[in-house]
PDB file of N, CA and C in Angstrom:
ATOM      1  N   MET A   1      13.220  27.341 -10.768  1.00  0.00           N
ATOM      2  CA  MET A   1      13.220  26.700  -9.467  1.00  0.00           C
ATOM      3  C   MET A   1      13.173  27.751  -8.349  1.00  0.00           C
ATOM      4  N   LYS A   2      13.881  28.839  -8.553  1.00  0.00           N
ATOM      5  CA  LYS A   2      13.893  29.881  -7.532  1.00  0.00           C
ATOM      6  C   LYS A   2      12.524  30.527  -7.400  1.00  0.00           C
ATOM      7  N   LYS A   3      11.802  30.623  -8.515  1.00  0.00           N
ATOM      8  CA  LYS A   3      10.473  31.219  -8.471  1.00  0.00           C
ATOM      9  C   LYS A   3       9.515  30.375  -7.648  1.00  0.00           C
ATOM     10  N   SER A   4       9.597  29.062  -7.785  1.00  0.00           N
ATOM     11  CA  SER A   4       8.662  28.196  -7.076  1.00  0.00           C
ATOM     12  C   SER A   4       8.875  28.258  -5.575  1.00  0.00           C
ATOM     13  N   ILE A   5      10.123  28.289  -5.122  1.00  0.00           N
ATOM     14  CA  ILE A   5      10.343  28.373  -3.677  1.00  0.00           C
ATOM     15  C   ILE A   5       9.998  29.774  -3.159  1.00  0.00           C
ATOM     16  N   LEU A   6      10.191  30.799  -3.990  1.00  0.00           N
ATOM     17  CA  LEU A   6       9.815  32.155  -3.590  1.00  0.00           C
ATOM     18  C   LEU A   6       8.303  32.291  -3.477  1.00  0.00           C
ATOM     19  N   ILE A   7       7.592  31.772  -4.463  1.00  0.00           N
ATOM     20  CA  ILE A   7       6.124  31.826  -4.413  1.00  0.00           C
ATOM     21  C   ILE A   7       5.592  30.986  -3.257  1.00  0.00           C
ATOM     22  N   GLY A   8       6.192  29.833  -3.021  1.00  0.00           N
ATOM     23  CA  GLY A   8       5.777  28.995  -1.899  1.00  0.00           C
ATOM     24  C   GLY A   8       6.027  29.663  -0.558  1.00  0.00           C
ATOM     25  N   THR A   9       7.149  30.350  -0.443  1.00  0.00           N
ATOM     26  CA  THR A   9       7.461  31.056   0.802  1.00  0.00           C
ATOM     27  C   THR A   9       6.512  32.221   1.023  1.00  0.00           C
ATOM     28  N   ILE A  10       6.202  32.966  -0.034  1.00  0.00           N
ATOM     29  CA  ILE A  10       5.267  34.089   0.093  1.00  0.00           C
ATOM     30  C   ILE A  10       3.882  33.580   0.475  1.00  0.00           C
ATOM     31  N   THR A  11       3.444  32.501  -0.155  1.00  0.00           N
ATOM     32  CA  THR A  11       2.145  31.912   0.170  1.00  0.00           C
ATOM     33  C   THR A  11       2.109  31.419   1.615  1.00  0.00           C
ATOM     34  N   ALA A  12       3.157  30.725   2.022  1.00  0.00           N
ATOM     35  CA  ALA A  12       3.202  30.182   3.381  1.00  0.00           C
ATOM     36  C   ALA A  12       3.246  31.304   4.416  1.00  0.00           C
ATOM     37  N   CYS A  13       4.044  32.336   4.161  1.00  0.00           N
ATOM     38  CA  CYS A  13       4.134  33.445   5.116  1.00  0.00           C
ATOM     39  C   CYS A  13       2.822  34.195   5.231  1.00  0.00           C
ATOM     40  N   SER A  14       2.158  34.441   4.104  1.00  0.00           N
ATOM     41  CA  SER A  14       0.889  35.171   4.166  1.00  0.00           C
ATOM     42  C   SER A  14      -0.180  34.359   4.888  1.00  0.00           C
ATOM     43  N   LEU A  15      -0.261  33.065   4.613  1.00  0.00           N
ATOM     44  CA  LEU A  15      -1.234  32.228   5.313  1.00  0.00           C
ATOM     45  C   LEU A  15      -0.879  32.064   6.791  1.00  0.00           C
ATOM     46  N   PHE A  16       0.423  32.016   7.088  1.00  0.00           N
ATOM     47  CA  PHE A  16       0.872  31.921   8.471  1.00  0.00           C
ATOM     48  C   PHE A  16       0.465  33.169   9.255  1.00  0.00           C
ATOM     49  N   ILE A  17       0.674  34.327   8.678  1.00  0.00           N
ATOM     50  CA  ILE A  17       0.312  35.588   9.338  1.00  0.00           C
ATOM     51  C   ILE A  17      -1.204  35.692   9.488  1.00  0.00           C
ATOM     52  N   LEU A  18      -1.946  35.304   8.450  1.00  0.00           N
ATOM     53  CA  LEU A  18      -3.407  35.326   8.554  1.00  0.00           C
ATOM     54  C   LEU A  18      -3.901  34.387   9.647  1.00  0.00           C
ATOM     55  N   ALA A  19      -3.274  33.245   9.785  1.00  0.00           N
ATOM     56  CA  ALA A  19      -3.685  32.290  10.820  1.00  0.00           C
ATOM     57  C   ALA A  19      -3.402  32.835  12.212  1.00  0.00           C
ATOM     58  N   LEU A  20      -2.275  33.532  12.371  1.00  0.00           N
ATOM     59  CA  LEU A  20      -1.968  34.097  13.686  1.00  0.00           C
ATOM     60  C   LEU A  20      -2.861  35.283  14.025  1.00  0.00           C
ATOM     61  N   ILE A  21      -3.191  36.097  13.026  1.00  0.00           N
ATOM     62  CA  ILE A  21      -4.027  37.273  13.275  1.00  0.00           C
ATOM     63  C   ILE A  21      -5.467  36.875  13.563  1.00  0.00           C
ATOM     64  N   THR A  22      -6.029  35.997  12.742  1.00  0.00           N
ATOM     65  CA  THR A  22      -7.440  35.662  12.881  1.00  0.00           C
ATOM     66  C   THR A  22      -7.700  34.521  13.845  1.00  0.00           C
ATOM     67  N   SER A  23      -6.703  33.746  14.153  1.00  0.00           N
ATOM     68  CA  SER A  23      -6.785  32.561  15.012  1.00  0.00           C
ATOM     69  C   SER A  23      -7.851  31.566  14.541  1.00  0.00           C
ATOM     70  N   LEU A  24      -8.015  31.473  13.224  1.00  0.00           N
ATOM     71  CA  LEU A  24      -8.923  30.482  12.657  1.00  0.00           C
ATOM     72  C   LEU A  24      -8.137  29.231  12.300  1.00  0.00           C
ATOM     73  N   ASP A  25      -8.700  28.078  12.613  1.00  0.00           N
ATOM     74  CA  ASP A  25      -8.019  26.814  12.344  1.00  0.00           C
ATOM     75  C   ASP A  25      -8.047  26.428  10.866  1.00  0.00           C
ATOM     76  N   ILE A  26      -8.886  27.085  10.077  1.00  0.00           N
ATOM     77  CA  ILE A  26      -8.985  26.740   8.661  1.00  0.00           C
ATOM     78  C   ILE A  26      -7.672  27.021   7.940  1.00  0.00           C
ATOM     79  N   PHE A  27      -6.920  28.015   8.379  1.00  0.00           N
ATOM     80  CA  PHE A  27      -5.654  28.337   7.723  1.00  0.00           C
ATOM     81  C   PHE A  27      -4.608  27.248   7.969  1.00  0.00           C
ATOM     82  N   ILE A  28      -4.688  26.584   9.103  1.00  0.00           N
ATOM     83  CA  ILE A  28      -3.786  25.459   9.362  1.00  0.00           C
ATOM     84  C   ILE A  28      -4.051  24.350   8.354  1.00  0.00           C
ATOM     85  N   TYR A  29      -5.331  24.070   8.105  1.00  0.00           N
ATOM     86  CA  TYR A  29      -5.686  23.024   7.153  1.00  0.00           C
ATOM     87  C   TYR A  29      -5.315  23.421   5.727  1.00  0.00           C
ATOM     88  N   ILE A  30      -5.471  24.699   5.399  1.00  0.00           N
ATOM     89  CA  ILE A  30      -5.154  25.154   4.044  1.00  0.00           C
ATOM     90  C   ILE A  30      -3.663  25.056   3.777  1.00  0.00           C
ATOM     91  N   VAL A  31      -2.853  25.612   4.678  1.00  0.00           N
ATOM     92  CA  VAL A  31      -1.411  25.633   4.429  1.00  0.00           C
ATOM     93  C   VAL A  31      -0.814  24.231   4.546  1.00  0.00           C
ATOM     94  N   GLY A  32      -1.252  23.450   5.483  1.00  0.00           N
ATOM     95  CA  GLY A  32      -0.759  22.082   5.605  1.00  0.00           C
ATOM     96  C   GLY A  32      -1.230  21.198   4.464  1.00  0.00           C
ATOM     97  N   GLY A  33      -2.482  21.364   4.073  1.00  0.00           N
ATOM     98  CA  GLY A  33      -3.025  20.595   2.962  1.00  0.00           C
ATOM     99  C   GLY A  33      -2.350  20.940   1.644  1.00  0.00           C
ATOM    100  N   LEU A  34      -2.033  22.201   1.468  1.00  0.00           N
ATOM    101  CA  LEU A  34      -1.329  22.628   0.266  1.00  0.00           C
ATOM    102  C   LEU A  34       0.051  21.982   0.191  1.00  0.00           C
ATOM    103  N   GLY A  35       0.741  21.914   1.316  1.00  0.00           N
ATOM    104  CA  GLY A  35       2.045  21.264   1.348  1.00  0.00           C
ATOM    105  C   GLY A  35       1.962  19.776   1.075  1.00  0.00           C
ATOM    106  N   ILE A  36       0.995  19.116   1.674  1.00  0.00           N
ATOM    107  CA  ILE A  36       0.842  17.668   1.483  1.00  0.00           C
ATOM    108  C   ILE A  36       0.443  17.338   0.055  1.00  0.00           C
ATOM    109  N   VAL A  37      -0.474  18.115  -0.518  1.00  0.00           N
ATOM    110  CA  VAL A  37      -0.900  17.870  -1.896  1.00  0.00           C
ATOM    111  C   VAL A  37       0.270  18.065  -2.863  1.00  0.00           C
ATOM    112  N   CYS A  38       1.071  19.098  -2.631  1.00  0.00           N
ATOM    113  CA  CYS A  38       2.238  19.321  -3.494  1.00  0.00           C
ATOM    114  C   CYS A  38       3.235  18.173  -3.380  1.00  0.00           C
ATOM    115  N   PHE A  39       3.452  17.669  -2.177  1.00  0.00           N
ATOM    116  CA  PHE A  39       4.363  16.538  -2.012  1.00  0.00           C
ATOM    117  C   PHE A  39       3.827  15.275  -2.677  1.00  0.00           C
ATOM    118  N   LEU A  40       2.517  15.036  -2.576  1.00  0.00           N
ATOM    119  CA  LEU A  40       1.935  13.863  -3.226  1.00  0.00           C
ATOM    120  C   LEU A  40       2.031  13.964  -4.744  1.00  0.00           C
ATOM    121  N   LEU A  41       1.737  15.128  -5.290  1.00  0.00           N
ATOM    122  CA  LEU A  41       1.860  15.306  -6.736  1.00  0.00           C
ATOM    123  C   LEU A  41       3.313  15.182  -7.189  1.00  0.00           C
ATOM    124  N   SER A  42       4.223  15.665  -6.373  1.00  0.00           N
ATOM    125  CA  SER A  42       5.639  15.526  -6.681  1.00  0.00           C
ATOM    126  C   SER A  42       6.043  14.056  -6.676  1.00  0.00           C
ATOM    127  N   GLY A  43       5.509  13.289  -5.756  1.00  0.00           N
ATOM    128  CA  GLY A  43       5.783  11.854  -5.710  1.00  0.00           C
ATOM    129  C   GLY A  43       5.219  11.120  -6.908  1.00  0.00           C
ATOM    130  N   VAL A  44       4.044  11.541  -7.361  1.00  0.00           N
ATOM    131  CA  VAL A  44       3.455  10.923  -8.545  1.00  0.00           C
ATOM    132  C   VAL A  44       4.306  11.235  -9.775  1.00  0.00           C
ATOM    133  N   LEU A  45       4.721  12.491  -9.920  1.00  0.00           N
ATOM    134  CA  LEU A  45       5.553  12.860 -11.072  1.00  0.00           C
ATOM    135  C   LEU A  45       6.925  12.194 -11.028  1.00  0.00           C
ATOM    136  N   GLY A  46       7.457  12.010  -9.832  1.00  0.00           N
ATOM    137  CA  GLY A  46       8.773  11.403  -9.700  1.00  0.00           C
ATOM    138  C   GLY A  46       8.770   9.896  -9.822  1.00  0.00           C
ATOM    139  N   GLY A  47       7.603   9.282  -9.752  1.00  0.00           N
ATOM    140  CA  GLY A  47       7.517   7.837  -9.884  1.00  0.00           C
ATOM    141  C   GLY A  47       7.723   7.106  -8.573  1.00  0.00           C
ATOM    142  N   ALA A  48       7.591   7.800  -7.469  1.00  0.00           N
ATOM    143  CA  ALA A  48       7.804   7.158  -6.175  1.00  0.00           C
ATOM    144  C   ALA A  48       6.642   6.256  -5.779  1.00  0.00           C
ATOM    145  N   LEU A  49       5.512   6.409  -6.412  1.00  0.00           N
ATOM    146  CA  LEU A  49       4.325   5.660  -6.026  1.00  0.00           C
ATOM    147  C   LEU A  49       3.993   4.521  -6.998  1.00  0.00           C
ATOM    148  N   ILE A  50       4.938   4.165  -7.883  1.00  0.00           N
ATOM    149  CA  ILE A  50       4.700   3.085  -8.829  1.00  0.00           C
ATOM    150  C   ILE A  50       5.774   2.016  -8.654  1.00  0.00           C
ATOM    151  N   SER A  51       5.547   0.869  -9.252  1.00  0.00           N
ATOM    152  CA  SER A  51       6.475  -0.249  -9.084  1.00  0.00           C
ATOM    153  C   SER A  51       7.684  -0.107 -10.003  1.00  0.00           C
ATOM    154  N   GLY A  52       8.682  -0.924  -9.765  1.00  0.00           N
ATOM    155  CA  GLY A  52       9.905  -0.887 -10.554  1.00  0.00           C
ATOM    156  C   GLY A  52       9.683  -1.251 -12.006  1.00  0.00           C
ATOM    157  N   ASP A  53       8.762  -2.193 -12.270  1.00  0.00           N
ATOM    158  CA  ASP A  53       8.460  -2.572 -13.649  1.00  0.00           C
ATOM    159  C   ASP A  53       7.882  -1.396 -14.430  1.00  0.00           C
ATOM    160  N   GLN A  54       7.010  -0.631 -13.778  1.00  0.00           N
ATOM    161  CA  GLN A  54       6.417   0.521 -14.446  1.00  0.00           C
ATOM    162  C   GLN A  54       7.455   1.620 -14.672  1.00  0.00           C
ATOM    163  N   ILE A  55       8.377   1.779 -13.738  1.00  0.00           N
ATOM    164  CA  ILE A  55       9.443   2.778 -13.904  1.00  0.00           C
ATOM    165  C   ILE A  55      10.324   2.416 -15.092  1.00  0.00           C
ATOM    166  N   ARG A  56      10.702   1.139 -15.198  1.00  0.00           N
ATOM    167  CA  ARG A  56      11.528   0.707 -16.330  1.00  0.00           C
ATOM    168  C   ARG A  56      10.794   0.879 -17.650  1.00  0.00           C
ATOM    169  N   ALA A  57       9.508   0.602 -17.671  1.00  0.00           N
ATOM    170  CA  ALA A  57       8.726   0.785 -18.899  1.00  0.00           C
ATOM    171  C   ALA A  57       8.639   2.265 -19.272  1.00  0.00           C
ATOM    172  N   ASN A  58       8.482   3.118 -18.271  1.00  0.00           N
ATOM    173  CA  ASN A  58       8.416   4.547 -18.545  1.00  0.00           C
ATOM    174  C   ASN A  58       9.747   5.068 -19.074  1.00  0.00           C
ATOM    175  N   ILE A  59      10.849   4.575 -18.561  1.00  0.00           N
ATOM    176  CA  ILE A  59      12.162   5.027 -19.014  1.00  0.00           C
ATOM    177  C   ILE A  59      12.377   4.655 -20.479  1.00  0.00           C
ATOM    178  N   HIS A  60      11.904   3.486 -20.870  1.00  0.00           N
ATOM    179  CA  HIS A  60      12.106   3.046 -22.249  1.00  0.00           C
ATOM    180  C   HIS A  60      11.172   3.735 -23.241  1.00  0.00           C
ATOM    181  N   THR A  61      10.030   4.215 -22.771  1.00  0.00           N
ATOM    182  CA  THR A  61       9.057   4.791 -23.702  1.00  0.00           C
ATOM    183  C   THR A  61       9.095   6.311 -23.784  1.00  0.00           C
ATOM    184  N   GLU A  62       9.659   7.000 -22.788  1.00  0.00           N
ATOM    185  CA  GLU A  62       9.656   8.461 -22.839  1.00  0.00           C
ATOM    186  C   GLU A  62      10.993   8.994 -23.356  1.00  0.00           C
ATOM    187  N   THR A  63      10.929  10.176 -23.911  1.00  0.00           N
ATOM    188  CA  THR A  63      12.148  10.802 -24.420  1.00  0.00           C
ATOM    189  C   THR A  63      12.841  11.559 -23.294  1.00  0.00           C
ATOM    190  N   LYS A  64      14.071  11.955 -23.548  1.00  0.00           N
ATOM    191  CA  LYS A  64      14.830  12.700 -22.544  1.00  0.00           C
ATOM    192  C   LYS A  64      14.170  14.045 -22.257  1.00  0.00           C
ATOM    193  N   ASP A  65      13.595  14.675 -23.276  1.00  0.00           N
ATOM    194  CA  ASP A  65      12.917  15.959 -23.097  1.00  0.00           C
ATOM    195  C   ASP A  65      11.712  15.821 -22.169  1.00  0.00           C
ATOM    196  N   HIS A  66      10.911  14.770 -22.377  1.00  0.00           N
ATOM    197  CA  HIS A  66       9.755  14.551 -21.504  1.00  0.00           C
ATOM    198  C   HIS A  66      10.188  14.228 -20.077  1.00  0.00           C
ATOM    199  N   ARG A  67      11.244  13.459 -19.928  1.00  0.00           N
ATOM    200  CA  ARG A  67      11.745  13.115 -18.601  1.00  0.00           C
ATOM    201  C   ARG A  67      12.250  14.363 -17.873  1.00  0.00           C
ATOM    202  N   ASP A  68      12.939  15.248 -18.600  1.00  0.00           N
ATOM    203  CA  ASP A  68      13.425  16.483 -17.992  1.00  0.00           C
ATOM    204  C   ASP A  68      12.273  17.389 -17.563  1.00  0.00           C
ATOM    205  N   LYS A  69      11.233  17.477 -18.386  1.00  0.00           N
ATOM    206  CA  LYS A  69      10.064  18.280 -18.019  1.00  0.00           C
ATOM    207  C   LYS A  69       9.364  17.704 -16.789  1.00  0.00           C
ATOM    208  N   ARG A  70       9.255  16.386 -16.748  1.00  0.00           N
ATOM    209  CA  ARG A  70       8.605  15.738 -15.599  1.00  0.00           C
ATOM    210  C   ARG A  70       9.409  15.962 -14.326  1.00  0.00           C
ATOM    211  N   ASN A  71      10.727  15.832 -14.420  1.00  0.00           N
ATOM    212  CA  ASN A  71      11.574  16.048 -13.248  1.00  0.00           C
ATOM    213  C   ASN A  71      11.560  17.506 -12.799  1.00  0.00           C
ATOM    214  N   THR A  72      11.529  18.436 -13.747  1.00  0.00           N
ATOM    215  CA  THR A  72      11.447  19.851 -13.393  1.00  0.00           C
ATOM    216  C   THR A  72      10.140  20.146 -12.669  1.00  0.00           C
ATOM    217  N   GLY A  73       9.038  19.599 -13.161  1.00  0.00           N
ATOM    218  CA  GLY A  73       7.750  19.774 -12.489  1.00  0.00           C
ATOM    219  C   GLY A  73       7.741  19.176 -11.100  1.00  0.00           C
ATOM    220  N   MET A  74       8.400  18.035 -10.959  1.00  0.00           N
ATOM    221  CA  MET A  74       8.480  17.375  -9.657  1.00  0.00           C
ATOM    222  C   MET A  74       9.225  18.250  -8.661  1.00  0.00           C
ATOM    223  N   TYR A  75      10.376  18.788  -9.076  1.00  0.00           N
ATOM    224  CA  TYR A  75      11.162  19.633  -8.177  1.00  0.00           C
ATOM    225  C   TYR A  75      10.436  20.934  -7.852  1.00  0.00           C
ATOM    226  N   MET A  76       9.756  21.505  -8.836  1.00  0.00           N
ATOM    227  CA  MET A  76       9.044  22.758  -8.591  1.00  0.00           C
ATOM    228  C   MET A  76       7.904  22.563  -7.597  1.00  0.00           C
ATOM    229  N   LEU A  77       7.174  21.464  -7.723  1.00  0.00           N
ATOM    230  CA  LEU A  77       6.098  21.190  -6.768  1.00  0.00           C
ATOM    231  C   LEU A  77       6.637  20.932  -5.370  1.00  0.00           C
ATOM    232  N   ALA A  78       7.738  20.209  -5.287  1.00  0.00           N
ATOM    233  CA  ALA A  78       8.325  19.920  -3.980  1.00  0.00           C
ATOM    234  C   ALA A  78       8.836  21.199  -3.328  1.00  0.00           C
ATOM    235  N   LEU A  79       9.471  22.070  -4.111  1.00  0.00           N
ATOM    236  CA  LEU A  79       9.984  23.319  -3.554  1.00  0.00           C
ATOM    237  C   LEU A  79       8.865  24.279  -3.185  1.00  0.00           C
ATOM    238  N   PHE A  80       7.749  24.241  -3.908  1.00  0.00           N
ATOM    239  CA  PHE A  80       6.596  25.062  -3.547  1.00  0.00           C
ATOM    240  C   PHE A  80       5.936  24.534  -2.283  1.00  0.00           C
ATOM    241  N   GLY A  81       5.860  23.223  -2.139  1.00  0.00           N
ATOM    242  CA  GLY A  81       5.167  22.627  -1.004  1.00  0.00           C
ATOM    243  C   GLY A  81       5.949  22.642   0.293  1.00  0.00           C
ATOM    244  N   LEU A  82       7.277  22.701   0.213  1.00  0.00           N
ATOM    245  CA  LEU A  82       8.104  22.637   1.418  1.00  0.00           C
ATOM    246  C   LEU A  82       7.828  23.767   2.408  1.00  0.00           C
ATOM    247  N   PRO A  83       7.843  25.045   1.997  1.00  0.00           N
ATOM    248  CA  PRO A  83       7.550  26.099   2.980  1.00  0.00           C
ATOM    249  C   PRO A  83       6.131  26.014   3.532  1.00  0.00           C
ATOM    250  N   ASN A  84       5.192  25.583   2.702  1.00  0.00           N
ATOM    251  CA  ASN A  84       3.818  25.447   3.171  1.00  0.00           C
ATOM    252  C   ASN A  84       3.693  24.322   4.192  1.00  0.00           C
ATOM    253  N   PHE A  85       4.384  23.237   3.963  1.00  0.00           N
ATOM    254  CA  PHE A  85       4.361  22.120   4.904  1.00  0.00           C
ATOM    255  C   PHE A  85       4.990  22.523   6.235  1.00  0.00           C
ATOM    256  N   ILE A  86       6.099  23.241   6.184  1.00  0.00           N
ATOM    257  CA  ILE A  86       6.762  23.698   7.408  1.00  0.00           C
ATOM    258  C   ILE A  86       5.878  24.687   8.155  1.00  0.00           C
ATOM    259  N   ALA A  87       5.226  25.592   7.431  1.00  0.00           N
ATOM    260  CA  ALA A  87       4.323  26.548   8.073  1.00  0.00           C
ATOM    261  C   ALA A  87       3.133  25.827   8.712  1.00  0.00           C
ATOM    262  N   GLY A  88       2.644  24.785   8.073  1.00  0.00           N
ATOM    263  CA  GLY A  88       1.548  24.006   8.654  1.00  0.00           C
ATOM    264  C   GLY A  88       1.961  23.317   9.943  1.00  0.00           C
ATOM    265  N   ILE A  89       3.172  22.789   9.961  1.00  0.00           N
ATOM    266  CA  ILE A  89       3.684  22.157  11.188  1.00  0.00           C
ATOM    267  C   ILE A  89       3.848  23.202  12.286  1.00  0.00           C
ATOM    268  N   LEU A  90       4.409  24.350  11.951  1.00  0.00           N
ATOM    269  CA  LEU A  90       4.611  25.414  12.947  1.00  0.00           C
ATOM    270  C   LEU A  90       3.280  25.899  13.503  1.00  0.00           C
ATOM    271  N   LEU A  91       2.285  26.070  12.637  1.00  0.00           N
ATOM    272  CA  LEU A  91       0.970  26.509  13.111  1.00  0.00           C
ATOM    273  C   LEU A  91       0.323  25.461  14.011  1.00  0.00           C
ATOM    274  N   THR A  92       0.517  24.208  13.693  1.00  0.00           N
ATOM    275  CA  THR A  92      -0.040  23.141  14.518  1.00  0.00           C
ATOM    276  C   THR A  92       0.604  23.125  15.900  1.00  0.00           C
ATOM    277  N   VAL A  93       1.914  23.344  15.945  1.00  0.00           N
ATOM    278  CA  VAL A  93       2.612  23.353  17.228  1.00  0.00           C
ATOM    279  C   VAL A  93       2.252  24.589  18.041  1.00  0.00           C
ATOM    280  N   LEU A  94       2.117  25.729  17.389  1.00  0.00           N
ATOM    281  CA  LEU A  94       1.833  26.978  18.090  1.00  0.00           C
ATOM    282  C   LEU A  94       0.386  27.080  18.586  1.00  0.00           C
ATOM    283  N   LYS A  95      -0.551  26.427  17.940  1.00  0.00           N
ATOM    284  CA  LYS A  95      -1.963  26.529  18.335  1.00  0.00           C
ATOM    285  C   LYS A  95      -2.307  25.577  19.430  1.00  0.00           C
TER     286      LYS A  95
END
């Protein structure tokens, strides 16, 4: 988990600095889009985008090991996307 937030922070900081140096708007779209895509994938893995019937069916059919792997992936994507999403918001406000 610590690796994902560290990699996300390094990615967000490097893209943030590149956006400020070059003043190209494409970096705003890249860093913001990366954050949004990670949050959407995290929502899909977490089951936030499906109905209650499907969640109950998934709980009964998957093993605890698969559920733990899915939840770990969900948290890692969310932690990777958070710094990128914040950097995208900051770049949008600053530009």
